[in-house]
Amino acid sequence: MAFSFLAREAGRVHVCGHRGYSLHFPENTLPALEAAKAAGATTVEIDVVLTADGEPVILHDLSVDRTTDGHGFAADLSLEEIRGLDAGVRFHPAFAGTKIPTVAEALDWAEAGDMGVVLEIKEAERPDMAVDRVAALLQATGTGDRVIVIGFDHVMLKRAGERHPGLRTEAITHARHADLIGVLRACRASSASIELDMFHPDDARALHEAGLGNRVHVPRPDVLAEYWRGGRDPLPDLVQWIAHGLIDTISGDDVPFIAMLVKRAGRAG
């Protein structure tokens, strides 16, 4: 059966590990993806940039400085040079030797484990090339049904949909739009990524009535603690929204935490 990101088709609300289980594992690495799955994720969000030789690799930043022992922009480094970097040791010495994965490796992993992939185009200098390379990989590996391509650049998403009509896309939003459906239609997206503080159940109902989906990103418990200290708690409403089928995917860094919310709502499938 084809993989679906819509809760009503999947029979469950998806749990999405943001950059894998990035709270306790080096982000955007295969150990983080595997740990997310083990903690209850059914999908993972990864970030994609291109190497100098045009290979799509999983990296959040345009440079390798923050997450590896290397220096420089990924766009200036060959795949061989990228693969020679250590993407784990800066997170914790226990992860020394961890490599930056290629998108091809992540797709193989997802196919073997029946996982969905939310793939964000972070490539800034050659975004259309990044989309084209990803689309080619999806076609070659037959994994297009389990991948949704996302981005902040809605113009890029529109171009992606025009060049690759079968490609599913999701528009990242950091605001509550007056016409969210219009925003998605304009960029040919089938889903919206929404921050928890911008989510409204009326918008979710409208999306579903239009055949569109959503993914809601939830802060970590240490961030939510500020609400709790002030006598406020967004979680009861969130659990009810999940229970009522208003949310298709819950995303976050703390995978066991968001998996617990979905289980509490009775929507784990």
Protein backbone atom coordinates (compact mmCIF):
# COMPACT_ATOMS: atom_id res chain seq x y z
CA MET A 1 0.00 0.00 0.00
CA ALA A 2 1.28 3.48 -0.86
CA PHE A 3 2.59 5.63 1.97
CA SER A 4 0.25 8.49 2.89
CA PHE A 5 0.99 11.60 4.94
CA LEU A 6 -2.75 12.21 5.52
CA ALA A 7 -3.91 10.83 8.86
CA ARG A 8 -7.30 9.75 7.50
CA GLU A 9 -5.61 7.63 4.83
CA ALA A 10 -2.72 6.37 6.95
CA GLY A 11 -4.96 5.38 9.86
CA ARG A 12 -2.66 7.19 12.26
CA VAL A 13 -1.23 10.60 13.06
CA HIS A 14 2.40 10.57 11.99
CA VAL A 15 5.17 11.29 14.46
CA CYS A 16 7.99 13.17 12.71
CA GLY A 17 11.50 13.28 14.14
CA HIS A 18 12.85 16.76 13.32
CA ARG A 19 16.30 16.15 11.84
CA GLY A 20 15.87 12.67 13.30
CA TYR A 21 15.94 12.32 17.08
CA SER A 22 18.02 15.49 17.19
CA LEU A 23 17.63 16.10 20.91
CA HIS A 24 19.93 13.23 21.84
CA PHE A 25 21.65 12.27 18.57
CA PRO A 26 23.68 14.24 16.01
CA GLU A 27 21.11 15.88 13.74
CA ASN A 28 20.58 14.76 10.16
CA THR A 29 22.64 11.59 10.53
CA LEU A 30 21.65 7.96 10.10
CA PRO A 31 22.00 7.29 13.86
CA ALA A 32 19.55 10.14 14.51
CA LEU A 33 17.10 8.76 11.96
CA GLU A 34 17.32 5.25 13.36
CA ALA A 35 16.90 6.55 16.91
CA ALA A 36 13.81 8.50 15.84
CA LYS A 37 12.24 5.35 14.45
CA ALA A 38 13.09 3.40 17.60
CA ALA A 39 11.47 6.15 19.70
CA GLY A 40 8.19 5.97 17.80
CA ALA A 41 8.60 8.15 14.71
CA THR A 42 6.86 7.09 11.51
CA THR A 43 8.41 9.94 9.50
CA VAL A 44 11.61 11.98 9.72
CA GLU A 45 12.43 15.50 8.57
CA ILE A 46 15.80 15.99 6.89
CA ASP A 47 17.53 18.98 5.29
CA VAL A 48 19.22 18.90 1.90
CA VAL A 49 22.03 20.88 0.30
CA LEU A 50 24.27 20.14 -2.71
CA THR A 51 27.97 19.40 -2.74
CA ALA A 52 30.29 21.10 -5.23
CA ASP A 53 29.77 18.16 -7.58
CA GLY A 54 25.99 18.35 -7.27
CA GLU A 55 25.32 15.46 -4.88
CA PRO A 56 22.34 15.97 -2.52
CA VAL A 57 23.51 15.43 1.06
CA ILE A 58 21.73 15.79 4.38
CA LEU A 59 22.82 18.98 6.12
CA HIS A 60 20.87 21.82 7.72
CA ASP A 61 23.35 24.67 7.34
CA LEU A 62 24.94 25.90 4.14
CA SER A 63 28.32 25.42 5.84
CA VAL A 64 29.69 22.39 7.66
CA ASP A 65 31.19 24.37 10.55
CA ARG A 66 28.48 23.94 13.21
CA THR A 67 27.85 20.20 12.95
CA THR A 68 31.16 18.74 11.76
CA ASP A 69 34.90 18.96 12.36
CA GLY A 70 35.29 20.67 8.99
CA HIS A 71 35.09 24.21 7.66
CA GLY A 72 33.51 25.87 4.66
CA PHE A 73 30.42 25.82 2.51
CA ALA A 74 29.08 22.48 1.38
CA ALA A 75 28.72 23.96 -2.10
CA ASP A 76 32.52 24.36 -2.22
CA LEU A 77 33.30 20.82 -1.06
CA SER A 78 33.17 17.65 -3.14
CA LEU A 79 31.19 14.63 -2.02
CA GLU A 80 34.48 12.91 -1.19
CA GLU A 81 35.49 15.84 1.02
CA ILE A 82 32.06 15.93 2.69
CA ARG A 83 32.24 12.20 3.37
CA GLY A 84 35.61 12.68 5.02
CA LEU A 85 34.14 14.90 7.73
CA ASP A 86 33.05 13.79 11.18
CA ALA A 87 29.41 14.76 11.78
CA GLY A 88 29.15 13.29 15.25
CA VAL A 89 32.11 14.23 17.40
CA ARG A 90 31.02 17.82 18.03
CA PHE A 91 27.68 16.60 19.33
CA HIS A 92 29.32 14.06 21.65
CA PRO A 93 32.54 12.03 21.49
CA ALA A 94 30.45 8.85 21.59
CA PHE A 95 29.33 9.61 18.03
CA ALA A 96 32.82 10.17 16.62
CA GLY A 97 33.13 8.86 13.08
CA THR A 98 29.51 9.52 12.10
CA LYS A 99 29.26 10.70 8.51
CA ILE A 100 27.03 13.17 6.66
CA PRO A 101 24.62 10.92 4.75
CA THR A 102 23.62 11.30 1.15
CA VAL A 103 19.95 11.61 0.27
CA ALA A 104 20.27 8.30 -1.56
CA GLU A 105 21.33 6.61 1.69
CA ALA A 106 18.41 8.16 3.56
CA LEU A 107 15.95 6.96 0.91
CA ASP A 108 17.35 3.43 1.11
CA TRP A 109 16.97 3.57 4.89
CA ALA A 110 13.39 4.85 4.66
CA GLU A 111 12.37 2.21 2.13
CA ALA A 112 13.84 -0.60 4.22
CA GLY A 113 12.12 0.65 7.38
CA ASP A 114 8.80 1.76 5.83
CA MET A 115 9.37 5.35 6.97
CA GLY A 116 8.15 8.61 5.50
CA VAL A 117 10.61 11.39 4.68
CA VAL A 118 9.91 15.11 4.93
CA LEU A 119 12.71 16.56 2.83
CA GLU A 120 13.47 20.25 3.18
CA ILE A 121 15.39 21.99 0.42
CA LYS A 122 17.98 24.14 2.20
CA GLU A 123 20.17 24.60 -0.86
CA ALA A 124 20.30 28.35 -1.49
CA GLU A 125 22.56 28.78 -4.52
CA ARG A 126 21.12 26.01 -6.73
CA PRO A 127 17.67 25.20 -5.33
CA ASP A 128 16.17 24.12 -8.65
CA MET A 129 19.07 21.76 -9.24
CA ALA A 130 18.59 20.34 -5.74
CA VAL A 131 14.92 19.67 -6.47
CA ASP A 132 15.76 18.08 -9.83
CA ARG A 133 18.43 15.83 -8.28
CA VAL A 134 16.06 14.77 -5.52
CA ALA A 135 13.25 14.11 -8.00
CA ALA A 136 15.59 11.96 -10.10
CA LEU A 137 16.55 9.95 -7.03
CA LEU A 138 12.90 9.43 -6.09
CA GLN A 139 12.15 8.14 -9.56
CA ALA A 140 15.22 5.90 -9.68
CA THR A 141 14.54 4.38 -6.25
CA GLY A 142 10.74 4.23 -6.51
CA THR A 143 10.40 6.09 -3.21
CA GLY A 144 8.33 9.05 -4.38
CA ASP A 145 5.26 7.89 -2.45
CA ARG A 146 7.04 8.17 0.89
CA VAL A 147 8.67 11.58 0.39
CA ILE A 148 7.26 15.09 0.59
CA VAL A 149 9.53 17.99 -0.42
CA ILE A 150 9.19 21.11 1.72
CA GLY A 151 10.61 24.60 1.85
CA PHE A 152 10.27 28.20 2.95
CA ASP A 153 10.70 29.34 -0.66
CA HIS A 154 7.19 28.99 -2.08
CA VAL A 155 8.29 30.22 -5.50
CA MET A 156 10.81 27.36 -5.61
CA LEU A 157 8.05 24.92 -4.64
CA LYS A 158 5.85 26.24 -7.44
CA ARG A 159 8.64 25.72 -9.96
CA ALA A 160 9.24 22.25 -8.54
CA GLY A 161 5.60 21.31 -9.06
CA GLU A 162 5.65 22.61 -12.62
CA ARG A 163 8.76 20.61 -13.55
CA HIS A 164 7.80 17.48 -11.62
CA PRO A 165 3.97 17.15 -11.56
CA GLY A 166 4.04 13.99 -9.44
CA LEU A 167 6.21 15.50 -6.71
CA ARG A 168 4.41 16.13 -3.42
CA THR A 169 5.34 19.39 -1.72
CA GLU A 170 4.66 21.15 1.56
CA ALA A 171 4.89 24.89 2.20
CA ILE A 172 6.49 26.00 5.47
CA THR A 173 4.56 28.82 7.10
CA HIS A 174 5.54 30.89 10.14
CA ALA A 175 2.38 32.98 10.13
CA ARG A 176 -1.36 32.41 10.19
CA HIS A 177 -2.41 33.32 6.67
CA ALA A 178 -5.77 34.86 5.89
CA ASP A 179 -6.12 32.41 2.98
CA LEU A 180 -3.96 29.39 3.73
CA ILE A 181 -5.59 27.31 1.03
CA GLY A 182 -4.85 30.05 -1.47
CA VAL A 183 -1.20 30.05 -0.38
CA LEU A 184 -0.93 26.31 -0.97
CA ARG A 185 -2.75 26.44 -4.29
CA ALA A 186 -0.49 29.25 -5.47
CA CYS A 187 2.66 27.19 -4.93
CA ARG A 188 1.11 23.83 -5.88
CA ALA A 189 1.65 22.39 -2.39
CA SER A 190 -0.45 19.61 -0.91
CA SER A 191 0.31 20.37 2.72
CA ALA A 192 1.27 23.16 5.13
CA SER A 193 3.91 23.08 7.85
CA ILE A 194 2.61 25.12 10.80
CA GLU A 195 4.19 26.12 14.11
CA LEU A 196 2.08 25.20 17.13
CA ASP A 197 1.53 28.84 18.12
CA MET A 198 0.13 29.57 14.63
CA PHE A 199 -2.14 26.52 14.43
CA HIS A 200 -5.90 27.04 14.49
CA PRO A 201 -8.45 24.20 14.27
CA ASP A 202 -10.60 26.15 11.79
CA ASP A 203 -7.65 26.30 9.39
CA ALA A 204 -7.07 22.55 9.78
CA ARG A 205 -10.71 21.79 9.00
CA ALA A 206 -10.56 23.99 5.92
CA LEU A 207 -7.38 22.28 4.74
CA HIS A 208 -8.89 18.83 5.11
CA GLU A 209 -12.09 19.83 3.37
CA ALA A 210 -9.94 20.97 0.46
CA GLY A 211 -8.05 17.65 0.42
CA LEU A 212 -4.89 19.22 1.84
CA GLY A 213 -2.78 18.17 4.82
CA ASN A 214 -0.78 19.71 7.64
CA ARG A 215 2.24 19.10 9.82
CA VAL A 216 2.43 20.86 13.19
CA HIS A 217 5.79 21.50 14.83
CA VAL A 218 5.83 21.26 18.63
CA PRO A 219 8.54 22.84 20.84
CA ARG A 220 10.61 20.70 23.19
CA PRO A 221 9.43 20.29 26.80
CA ASP A 222 12.16 22.66 28.04
CA VAL A 223 10.69 25.37 25.81
CA LEU A 224 7.12 24.55 26.84
CA ALA A 225 8.23 24.82 30.46
CA GLU A 226 7.99 28.60 30.16
CA TYR A 227 4.26 28.21 29.57
CA TRP A 228 3.89 25.75 32.42
CA ARG A 229 5.71 28.04 34.84
CA GLY A 230 3.24 30.76 33.92
CA GLY A 231 0.24 28.53 34.61
CA ARG A 232 -0.49 27.90 30.92
CA ASP A 233 -0.53 24.58 29.11
CA PRO A 234 -1.11 24.19 25.36
CA LEU A 235 -0.98 20.40 25.51
CA PRO A 236 -4.62 19.57 26.42
CA ASP A 237 -5.86 21.46 23.35
CA LEU A 238 -3.14 19.88 21.21
CA VAL A 239 -4.08 16.37 22.33
CA GLN A 240 -7.74 17.09 21.54
CA TRP A 241 -6.86 18.39 18.08
CA ILE A 242 -4.88 15.22 17.43
CA ALA A 243 -7.71 13.05 18.76
CA HIS A 244 -10.25 14.81 16.53
CA GLY A 245 -8.18 14.15 13.40
CA LEU A 246 -7.29 17.79 12.77
CA ILE A 247 -3.55 17.17 12.58
CA ASP A 248 -1.83 14.81 10.12
CA THR A 249 1.73 14.93 11.46
CA ILE A 250 3.26 16.09 14.74
CA SER A 251 6.90 17.12 14.40
CA GLY A 252 9.53 17.83 17.03
CA ASP A 253 13.06 17.30 18.33
CA ASP A 254 11.97 15.20 21.34
CA VAL A 255 10.53 12.18 19.57
CA PRO A 256 9.37 10.19 22.64
CA PHE A 257 7.54 13.29 23.87
CA ILE A 258 5.56 13.85 20.67
CA ALA A 259 4.96 10.11 20.31
CA MET A 260 3.46 10.18 23.81
CA LEU A 261 1.10 12.98 22.79
CA VAL A 262 -0.14 11.00 19.79
CA LYS A 263 -0.56 7.88 21.91
CA ARG A 264 -2.43 9.86 24.57
CA ALA A 265 -4.80 11.09 21.87
CA GLY A 266 -5.43 7.53 20.72
CA ARG A 267 -4.16 8.19 17.22
CA ALA A 268 -0.99 6.10 17.12
CA GLY A 269 -2.59 3.60 14.75
